[in-house]
Amino acid sequence: MRDNNVLYFLFFLLALSGYNLYKESQDNERLYKICTDQEGVIQLQLEAINSQKVYISQLQYNYNSLYYSQGSSYYTPNKKENTNPIH
């Protein structure tokens, strides 16, 4: 009788371990899917950022060509200036 109790206990531990491994594998698959989906979103955002950079450079070129033709110096919007009012 005592051997059966130990055997049942070991079977219970084996079943519990199997269930935990199953849950972990499901969680890992879910996390992997999230990561692969994020990779596509990151690529899309990089394309949007590059498009915005091109648009900004076109605006800067148009602005500079408009005012350069009037004899003004070039305007560089990306120039870092100390605009912090608290020094």
PDB file of N, CA and C in Angstrom:
ATOM      1  N   MET A   1       0.821  -1.187   0.000  1.00  0.00           N
ATOM      2  CA  MET A   1       0.000   0.000   0.000  1.00  0.00           C
ATOM      3  C   MET A   1       0.866   1.252   0.000  1.00  0.00           C
ATOM      4  N   ARG A   2       1.931   1.216   0.803  1.00  0.00           N
ATOM      5  CA  ARG A   2       2.786   2.390   0.884  1.00  0.00           C
ATOM      6  C   ARG A   2       3.488   2.636  -0.442  1.00  0.00           C
ATOM      7  N   ASP A   3       3.866   1.585  -1.156  1.00  0.00           N
ATOM      8  CA  ASP A   3       4.510   1.726  -2.456  1.00  0.00           C
ATOM      9  C   ASP A   3       3.553   2.362  -3.460  1.00  0.00           C
ATOM     10  N   ASN A   4       2.264   2.046  -3.352  1.00  0.00           N
ATOM     11  CA  ASN A   4       1.284   2.645  -4.264  1.00  0.00           C
ATOM     12  C   ASN A   4       1.151   4.147  -4.014  1.00  0.00           C
ATOM     13  N   ASN A   5       1.187   4.562  -2.750  1.00  0.00           N
ATOM     14  CA  ASN A   5       1.091   5.989  -2.436  1.00  0.00           C
ATOM     15  C   ASN A   5       2.279   6.765  -3.012  1.00  0.00           C
ATOM     16  N   VAL A   6       3.461   6.183  -2.885  1.00  0.00           N
ATOM     17  CA  VAL A   6       4.650   6.828  -3.439  1.00  0.00           C
ATOM     18  C   VAL A   6       4.534   6.880  -4.958  1.00  0.00           C
ATOM     19  N   LEU A   7       4.054   5.807  -5.555  1.00  0.00           N
ATOM     20  CA  LEU A   7       3.885   5.765  -7.001  1.00  0.00           C
ATOM     21  C   LEU A   7       2.854   6.792  -7.454  1.00  0.00           C
ATOM     22  N   TYR A   8       1.748   6.915  -6.764  1.00  0.00           N
ATOM     23  CA  TYR A   8       0.735   7.927  -7.103  1.00  0.00           C
ATOM     24  C   TYR A   8       1.298   9.341  -6.954  1.00  0.00           C
ATOM     25  N   PHE A   9       2.078   9.553  -5.896  1.00  0.00           N
ATOM     26  CA  PHE A   9       2.675  10.864  -5.675  1.00  0.00           C
ATOM     27  C   PHE A   9       3.647  11.219  -6.805  1.00  0.00           C
ATOM     28  N   LEU A  10       4.474  10.231  -7.206  1.00  0.00           N
ATOM     29  CA  LEU A  10       5.412  10.474  -8.307  1.00  0.00           C
ATOM     30  C   LEU A  10       4.656  10.723  -9.621  1.00  0.00           C
ATOM     31  N   PHE A  11       3.582   9.992  -9.843  1.00  0.00           N
ATOM     32  CA  PHE A  11       2.766  10.211 -11.044  1.00  0.00           C
ATOM     33  C   PHE A  11       2.144  11.608 -11.019  1.00  0.00           C
ATOM     34  N   PHE A  12       1.676  12.025  -9.847  1.00  0.00           N
ATOM     35  CA  PHE A  12       1.111  13.366  -9.713  1.00  0.00           C
ATOM     36  C   PHE A  12       2.166  14.430 -10.013  1.00  0.00           C
ATOM     37  N   LEU A  13       3.397  14.258  -9.490  1.00  0.00           N
ATOM     38  CA  LEU A  13       4.483  15.208  -9.759  1.00  0.00           C
ATOM     39  C   LEU A  13       4.836  15.238 -11.244  1.00  0.00           C
ATOM     40  N   LEU A  14       4.826  14.075 -11.879  1.00  0.00           N
ATOM     41  CA  LEU A  14       5.111  14.002 -13.306  1.00  0.00           C
ATOM     42  C   LEU A  14       4.032  14.730 -14.106  1.00  0.00           C
ATOM     43  N   ALA A  15       2.770  14.521 -13.753  1.00  0.00           N
ATOM     44  CA  ALA A  15       1.668  15.190 -14.450  1.00  0.00           C
ATOM     45  C   ALA A  15       1.732  16.704 -14.220  1.00  0.00           C
ATOM     46  N   LEU A  16       2.036  17.120 -13.006  1.00  0.00           N
ATOM     47  CA  LEU A  16       2.146  18.550 -12.705  1.00  0.00           C
ATOM     48  C   LEU A  16       3.303  19.177 -13.471  1.00  0.00           C
ATOM     49  N   SER A  17       4.427  18.498 -13.539  1.00  0.00           N
ATOM     50  CA  SER A  17       5.577  19.000 -14.298  1.00  0.00           C
ATOM     51  C   SER A  17       5.245  19.093 -15.786  1.00  0.00           C
ATOM     52  N   GLY A  18       4.564  18.090 -16.311  1.00  0.00           N
ATOM     53  CA  GLY A  18       4.153  18.114 -17.721  1.00  0.00           C
ATOM     54  C   GLY A  18       3.223  19.276 -18.010  1.00  0.00           C
ATOM     55  N   TYR A  19       2.288  19.538 -17.121  1.00  0.00           N
ATOM     56  CA  TYR A  19       1.360  20.661 -17.296  1.00  0.00           C
ATOM     57  C   TYR A  19       2.108  21.992 -17.253  1.00  0.00           C
ATOM     58  N   ASN A  20       3.049  22.121 -16.311  1.00  0.00           N
ATOM     59  CA  ASN A  20       3.838  23.359 -16.228  1.00  0.00           C
ATOM     60  C   ASN A  20       4.665  23.579 -17.484  1.00  0.00           C
ATOM     61  N   LEU A  21       5.264  22.522 -18.013  1.00  0.00           N
ATOM     62  CA  LEU A  21       6.025  22.643 -19.255  1.00  0.00           C
ATOM     63  C   LEU A  21       5.113  23.038 -20.420  1.00  0.00           C
ATOM     64  N   TYR A  22       3.916  22.485 -20.461  1.00  0.00           N
ATOM     65  CA  TYR A  22       2.960  22.824 -21.505  1.00  0.00           C
ATOM     66  C   TYR A  22       2.583  24.304 -21.426  1.00  0.00           C
ATOM     67  N   LYS A  23       2.300  24.785 -20.220  1.00  0.00           N
ATOM     68  CA  LYS A  23       1.947  26.199 -20.051  1.00  0.00           C
ATOM     69  C   LYS A  23       3.118  27.105 -20.426  1.00  0.00           C
ATOM     70  N   GLU A  24       4.331  26.730 -20.045  1.00  0.00           N
ATOM     71  CA  GLU A  24       5.509  27.530 -20.385  1.00  0.00           C
ATOM     72  C   GLU A  24       5.710  27.585 -21.896  1.00  0.00           C
ATOM     73  N   SER A  25       5.509  26.456 -22.574  1.00  0.00           N
ATOM     74  CA  SER A  25       5.692  26.458 -24.028  1.00  0.00           C
ATOM     75  C   SER A  25       4.625  27.332 -24.701  1.00  0.00           C
ATOM     76  N   GLN A  26       3.398  27.327 -24.190  1.00  0.00           N
ATOM     77  CA  GLN A  26       2.364  28.211 -24.744  1.00  0.00           C
ATOM     78  C   GLN A  26       2.732  29.675 -24.526  1.00  0.00           C
ATOM     79  N   ASP A  27       3.232  29.983 -23.353  1.00  0.00           N
ATOM     80  CA  ASP A  27       3.625  31.364 -23.048  1.00  0.00           C
ATOM     81  C   ASP A  27       4.797  31.793 -23.928  1.00  0.00           C
ATOM     82  N   ASN A  28       5.757  30.898 -24.142  1.00  0.00           N
ATOM     83  CA  ASN A  28       6.887  31.211 -25.005  1.00  0.00           C
ATOM     84  C   ASN A  28       6.442  31.439 -26.447  1.00  0.00           C
ATOM     85  N   GLU A  29       5.510  30.646 -26.936  1.00  0.00           N
ATOM     86  CA  GLU A  29       4.988  30.842 -28.287  1.00  0.00           C
ATOM     87  C   GLU A  29       4.269  32.186 -28.405  1.00  0.00           C
ATOM     88  N   ARG A  30       3.528  32.555 -27.377  1.00  0.00           N
ATOM     89  CA  ARG A  30       2.813  33.833 -27.390  1.00  0.00           C
ATOM     90  C   ARG A  30       3.804  34.995 -27.422  1.00  0.00           C
ATOM     91  N   LEU A  31       4.849  34.907 -26.598  1.00  0.00           N
ATOM     92  CA  LEU A  31       5.859  35.960 -26.565  1.00  0.00           C
ATOM     93  C   LEU A  31       6.635  36.032 -27.878  1.00  0.00           C
ATOM     94  N   TYR A  32       6.911  34.893 -28.487  1.00  0.00           N
ATOM     95  CA  TYR A  32       7.609  34.871 -29.774  1.00  0.00           C
ATOM     96  C   TYR A  32       6.766  35.542 -30.851  1.00  0.00           C
ATOM     97  N   LYS A  33       5.472  35.282 -30.838  1.00  0.00           N
ATOM     98  CA  LYS A  33       4.579  35.899 -31.815  1.00  0.00           C
ATOM     99  C   LYS A  33       4.537  37.411 -31.619  1.00  0.00           C
ATOM    100  N   ILE A  34       4.514  37.857 -30.375  1.00  0.00           N
ATOM    101  CA  ILE A  34       4.526  39.297 -30.094  1.00  0.00           C
ATOM    102  C   ILE A  34       5.807  39.921 -30.633  1.00  0.00           C
ATOM    103  N   CYS A  35       6.945  39.263 -30.411  1.00  0.00           N
ATOM    104  CA  CYS A  35       8.233  39.798 -30.877  1.00  0.00           C
ATOM    105  C   CYS A  35       8.289  39.867 -32.400  1.00  0.00           C
ATOM    106  N   THR A  36       7.812  38.845 -33.074  1.00  0.00           N
ATOM    107  CA  THR A  36       7.850  38.873 -34.534  1.00  0.00           C
ATOM    108  C   THR A  36       6.886  39.920 -35.082  1.00  0.00           C
ATOM    109  N   ASP A  37       5.750  40.115 -34.430  1.00  0.00           N
ATOM    110  CA  ASP A  37       4.828  41.175 -34.863  1.00  0.00           C
ATOM    111  C   ASP A  37       5.443  42.545 -34.656  1.00  0.00           C
ATOM    112  N   GLN A  38       6.178  42.723 -33.570  1.00  0.00           N
ATOM    113  CA  GLN A  38       6.809  44.007 -33.295  1.00  0.00           C
ATOM    114  C   GLN A  38       7.896  44.315 -34.307  1.00  0.00           C
ATOM    115  N   GLU A  39       8.558  43.311 -34.821  1.00  0.00           N
ATOM    116  CA  GLU A  39       9.607  43.538 -35.812  1.00  0.00           C
ATOM    117  C   GLU A  39       9.019  44.196 -37.060  1.00  0.00           C
ATOM    118  N   GLY A  40       7.854  43.751 -37.477  1.00  0.00           N
ATOM    119  CA  GLY A  40       7.193  44.375 -38.623  1.00  0.00           C
ATOM    120  C   GLY A  40       6.795  45.809 -38.340  1.00  0.00           C
ATOM    121  N   VAL A  41       6.318  46.064 -37.143  1.00  0.00           N
ATOM    122  CA  VAL A  41       5.917  47.427 -36.760  1.00  0.00           C
ATOM    123  C   VAL A  41       7.137  48.337 -36.701  1.00  0.00           C
ATOM    124  N   ILE A  42       8.240  47.821 -36.199  1.00  0.00           N
ATOM    125  CA  ILE A  42       9.472  48.613 -36.126  1.00  0.00           C
ATOM    126  C   ILE A  42       9.930  48.994 -37.526  1.00  0.00           C
ATOM    127  N   GLN A  43       9.879  48.049 -38.464  1.00  0.00           N
ATOM    128  CA  GLN A  43      10.279  48.349 -39.838  1.00  0.00           C
ATOM    129  C   GLN A  43       9.371  49.417 -40.449  1.00  0.00           C
ATOM    130  N   LEU A  44       8.079  49.324 -40.184  1.00  0.00           N
ATOM    131  CA  LEU A  44       7.139  50.313 -40.690  1.00  0.00           C
ATOM    132  C   LEU A  44       7.426  51.692 -40.102  1.00  0.00           C
ATOM    133  N   GLN A  45       7.739  51.753 -38.814  1.00  0.00           N
ATOM    134  CA  GLN A  45       8.054  53.029 -38.182  1.00  0.00           C
ATOM    135  C   GLN A  45       9.361  53.607 -38.715  1.00  0.00           C
ATOM    136  N   LEU A  46      10.348  52.760 -39.002  1.00  0.00           N
ATOM    137  CA  LEU A  46      11.594  53.246 -39.588  1.00  0.00           C
ATOM    138  C   LEU A  46      11.356  53.846 -40.972  1.00  0.00           C
ATOM    139  N   GLU A  47      10.477  53.223 -41.753  1.00  0.00           N
ATOM    140  CA  GLU A  47      10.136  53.781 -43.054  1.00  0.00           C
ATOM    141  C   GLU A  47       9.441  55.130 -42.908  1.00  0.00           C
ATOM    142  N   ALA A  48       8.569  55.252 -41.922  1.00  0.00           N
ATOM    143  CA  ALA A  48       7.879  56.518 -41.691  1.00  0.00           C
ATOM    144  C   ALA A  48       8.867  57.598 -41.261  1.00  0.00           C
ATOM    145  N   ILE A  49       9.810  57.253 -40.415  1.00  0.00           N
ATOM    146  CA  ILE A  49      10.815  58.215 -39.967  1.00  0.00           C
ATOM    147  C   ILE A  49      11.670  58.676 -41.143  1.00  0.00           C
ATOM    148  N   ASN A  50      12.068  57.741 -41.996  1.00  0.00           N
ATOM    149  CA  ASN A  50      12.869  58.121 -43.159  1.00  0.00           C
ATOM    150  C   ASN A  50      12.081  59.010 -44.102  1.00  0.00           C
ATOM    151  N   SER A  51      10.797  58.739 -44.270  1.00  0.00           N
ATOM    152  CA  SER A  51       9.959  59.594 -45.111  1.00  0.00           C
ATOM    153  C   SER A  51       9.860  60.991 -44.521  1.00  0.00           C
ATOM    154  N   GLN A  52       9.737  61.081 -43.213  1.00  0.00           N
ATOM    155  CA  GLN A  52       9.669  62.386 -42.566  1.00  0.00           C
ATOM    156  C   GLN A  52      10.985  63.138 -42.716  1.00  0.00           C
ATOM    157  N   LYS A  53      12.115  62.430 -42.641  1.00  0.00           N
ATOM    158  CA  LYS A  53      13.407  63.079 -42.830  1.00  0.00           C
ATOM    159  C   LYS A  53      13.519  63.661 -44.241  1.00  0.00           C
ATOM    160  N   VAL A  54      13.056  62.904 -45.226  1.00  0.00           N
ATOM    161  CA  VAL A  54      13.093  63.391 -46.606  1.00  0.00           C
ATOM    162  C   VAL A  54      12.202  64.613 -46.745  1.00  0.00           C
ATOM    163  N   TYR A  55      11.026  64.563 -46.172  1.00  0.00           N
ATOM    164  CA  TYR A  55      10.098  65.689 -46.245  1.00  0.00           C
ATOM    165  C   TYR A  55      10.690  66.935 -45.575  1.00  0.00           C
ATOM    166  N   ILE A  56      11.309  66.751 -44.412  1.00  0.00           N
ATOM    167  CA  ILE A  56      11.925  67.879 -43.705  1.00  0.00           C
ATOM    168  C   ILE A  56      13.070  68.455 -44.520  1.00  0.00           C
ATOM    169  N   SER A  57      13.880  67.600 -45.127  1.00  0.00           N
ATOM    170  CA  SER A  57      14.991  68.118 -45.935  1.00  0.00           C
ATOM    171  C   SER A  57      14.472  68.869 -47.157  1.00  0.00           C
ATOM    172  N   GLN A  58      13.357  68.416 -47.741  1.00  0.00           N
ATOM    173  CA  GLN A  58      12.764  69.153 -48.858  1.00  0.00           C
ATOM    174  C   GLN A  58      12.238  70.506 -48.403  1.00  0.00           C
ATOM    175  N   LEU A  59      11.602  70.545 -47.252  1.00  0.00           N
ATOM    176  CA  LEU A  59      11.126  71.818 -46.720  1.00  0.00           C
ATOM    177  C   LEU A  59      12.293  72.757 -46.432  1.00  0.00           C
ATOM    178  N   GLN A  60      13.348  72.220 -45.871  1.00  0.00           N
ATOM    179  CA  GLN A  60      14.525  73.037 -45.570  1.00  0.00           C
ATOM    180  C   GLN A  60      15.143  73.574 -46.857  1.00  0.00           C
ATOM    181  N   TYR A  61      15.239  72.723 -47.879  1.00  0.00           N
ATOM    182  CA  TYR A  61      15.795  73.157 -49.157  1.00  0.00           C
ATOM    183  C   TYR A  61      14.942  74.260 -49.769  1.00  0.00           C
ATOM    184  N   ASN A  62      13.626  74.060 -49.754  1.00  0.00           N
ATOM    185  CA  ASN A  62      12.729  75.077 -50.321  1.00  0.00           C
ATOM    186  C   ASN A  62      12.815  76.381 -49.544  1.00  0.00           C
ATOM    187  N   TYR A  63      12.890  76.289 -48.236  1.00  0.00           N
ATOM    188  CA  TYR A  63      12.995  77.486 -47.410  1.00  0.00           C
ATOM    189  C   TYR A  63      14.304  78.216 -47.705  1.00  0.00           C
ATOM    190  N   ASN A  64      15.401  77.454 -47.764  1.00  0.00           N
ATOM    191  CA  ASN A  64      16.702  78.066 -48.026  1.00  0.00           C
ATOM    192  C   ASN A  64      16.769  78.656 -49.422  1.00  0.00           C
ATOM    193  N   SER A  65      16.220  77.957 -50.407  1.00  0.00           N
ATOM    194  CA  SER A  65      16.279  78.490 -51.768  1.00  0.00           C
ATOM    195  C   SER A  65      15.418  79.740 -51.895  1.00  0.00           C
ATOM    196  N   LEU A  66      14.329  79.826 -51.160  1.00  0.00           N
ATOM    197  CA  LEU A  66      13.475  81.007 -51.196  1.00  0.00           C
ATOM    198  C   LEU A  66      14.196  82.210 -50.607  1.00  0.00           C
ATOM    199  N   TYR A  67      14.816  82.035 -49.458  1.00  0.00           N
ATOM    200  CA  TYR A  67      15.450  83.163 -48.791  1.00  0.00           C
ATOM    201  C   TYR A  67      16.877  83.399 -49.261  1.00  0.00           C
ATOM    202  N   TYR A  68      17.513  82.375 -49.799  1.00  0.00           N
ATOM    203  CA  TYR A  68      18.861  82.578 -50.329  1.00  0.00           C
ATOM    204  C   TYR A  68      18.810  83.446 -51.579  1.00  0.00           C
ATOM    205  N   SER A  69      17.753  83.285 -52.339  1.00  0.00           N
ATOM    206  CA  SER A  69      17.620  84.099 -53.549  1.00  0.00           C
ATOM    207  C   SER A  69      17.422  85.570 -53.191  1.00  0.00           C
ATOM    208  N   GLN A  70      17.014  85.849 -51.957  1.00  0.00           N
ATOM    209  CA  GLN A  70      16.838  87.230 -51.509  1.00  0.00           C
ATOM    210  C   GLN A  70      18.079  87.747 -50.787  1.00  0.00           C
ATOM    211  N   GLY A  71      19.147  86.952 -50.746  1.00  0.00           N
ATOM    212  CA  GLY A  71      20.389  87.395 -50.148  1.00  0.00           C
ATOM    213  C   GLY A  71      20.550  87.037 -48.684  1.00  0.00           C
ATOM    214  N   SER A  72      19.638  86.287 -48.099  1.00  0.00           N
ATOM    215  CA  SER A  72      19.757  85.883 -46.700  1.00  0.00           C
ATOM    216  C   SER A  72      20.700  84.693 -46.578  1.00  0.00           C
ATOM    217  N   SER A  73      21.206  84.484 -45.362  1.00  0.00           N
ATOM    218  CA  SER A  73      22.052  83.318 -45.134  1.00  0.00           C
ATOM    219  C   SER A  73      21.172  82.087 -44.952  1.00  0.00           C
ATOM    220  N   TYR A  74      21.802  80.923 -45.048  1.00  0.00           N
ATOM    221  CA  TYR A  74      21.063  79.673 -44.924  1.00  0.00           C
ATOM    222  C   TYR A  74      20.505  79.494 -43.519  1.00  0.00           C
ATOM    223  N   TYR A  75      19.322  78.934 -43.469  1.00  0.00           N
ATOM    224  CA  TYR A  75      18.689  78.602 -42.194  1.00  0.00           C
ATOM    225  C   TYR A  75      18.827  77.111 -41.986  1.00  0.00           C
ATOM    226  N   THR A  76      19.324  76.692 -40.832  1.00  0.00           N
ATOM    227  CA  THR A  76      19.482  75.279 -40.508  1.00  0.00           C
ATOM    228  C   THR A  76      18.611  74.955 -39.314  1.00  0.00           C
ATOM    229  N   PRO A  77      17.444  74.308 -39.523  1.00  0.00           N
ATOM    230  CA  PRO A  77      16.537  74.047 -38.403  1.00  0.00           C
ATOM    231  C   PRO A  77      17.050  72.996 -37.441  1.00  0.00           C
ATOM    232  N   ASN A  78      17.985  72.165 -37.854  1.00  0.00           N
ATOM    233  CA  ASN A  78      18.486  71.106 -36.982  1.00  0.00           C
ATOM    234  C   ASN A  78      19.638  71.584 -36.111  1.00  0.00           C
ATOM    235  N   LYS A  79      20.000  72.863 -36.238  1.00  0.00           N
ATOM    236  CA  LYS A  79      21.089  73.407 -35.448  1.00  0.00           C
ATOM    237  C   LYS A  79      20.671  73.471 -33.983  1.00  0.00           C
ATOM    238  N   LYS A  80      21.525  72.937 -33.118  1.00  0.00           N
ATOM    239  CA  LYS A  80      21.223  72.902 -31.689  1.00  0.00           C
ATOM    240  C   LYS A  80      21.569  74.257 -31.080  1.00  0.00           C
ATOM    241  N   GLU A  81      20.591  74.877 -30.480  1.00  0.00           N
ATOM    242  CA  GLU A  81      20.799  76.135 -29.787  1.00  0.00           C
ATOM    243  C   GLU A  81      20.348  75.954 -28.348  1.00  0.00           C
ATOM    244  N   ASN A  82      20.916  76.731 -27.477  1.00  0.00           N
ATOM    245  CA  ASN A  82      20.547  76.664 -26.069  1.00  0.00           C
ATOM    246  C   ASN A  82      19.269  77.474 -25.884  1.00  0.00           C
ATOM    247  N   THR A  83      18.149  76.785 -25.910  1.00  0.00           N
ATOM    248  CA  THR A  83      16.846  77.442 -25.771  1.00  0.00           C
ATOM    249  C   THR A  83      16.252  77.242 -24.388  1.00  0.00           C
ATOM    250  N   ASN A  84      17.021  76.649 -23.499  1.00  0.00           N
ATOM    251  CA  ASN A  84      16.543  76.402 -22.147  1.00  0.00           C
ATOM    252  C   ASN A  84      16.549  77.713 -21.375  1.00  0.00           C
ATOM    253  N   PRO A  85      15.391  78.185 -20.872  1.00  0.00           N
ATOM    254  CA  PRO A  85      15.371  79.467 -20.168  1.00  0.00           C
ATOM    255  C   PRO A  85      16.037  79.408 -18.797  1.00  0.00           C
ATOM    256  N   ILE A  86      16.213  78.224 -18.253  1.00  0.00           N
ATOM    257  CA  ILE A  86      16.841  78.065 -16.940  1.00  0.00           C
ATOM    258  C   ILE A  86      18.299  77.659 -17.160  1.00  0.00           C
ATOM    259  N   HIS A  87      19.211  78.481 -16.673  1.00  0.00           N
ATOM    260  CA  HIS A  87      20.639  78.164 -16.860  1.00  0.00           C
ATOM    261  C   HIS A  87      21.248  77.801 -15.559  1.00  0.00           C
TER     262      HIS A  87
END
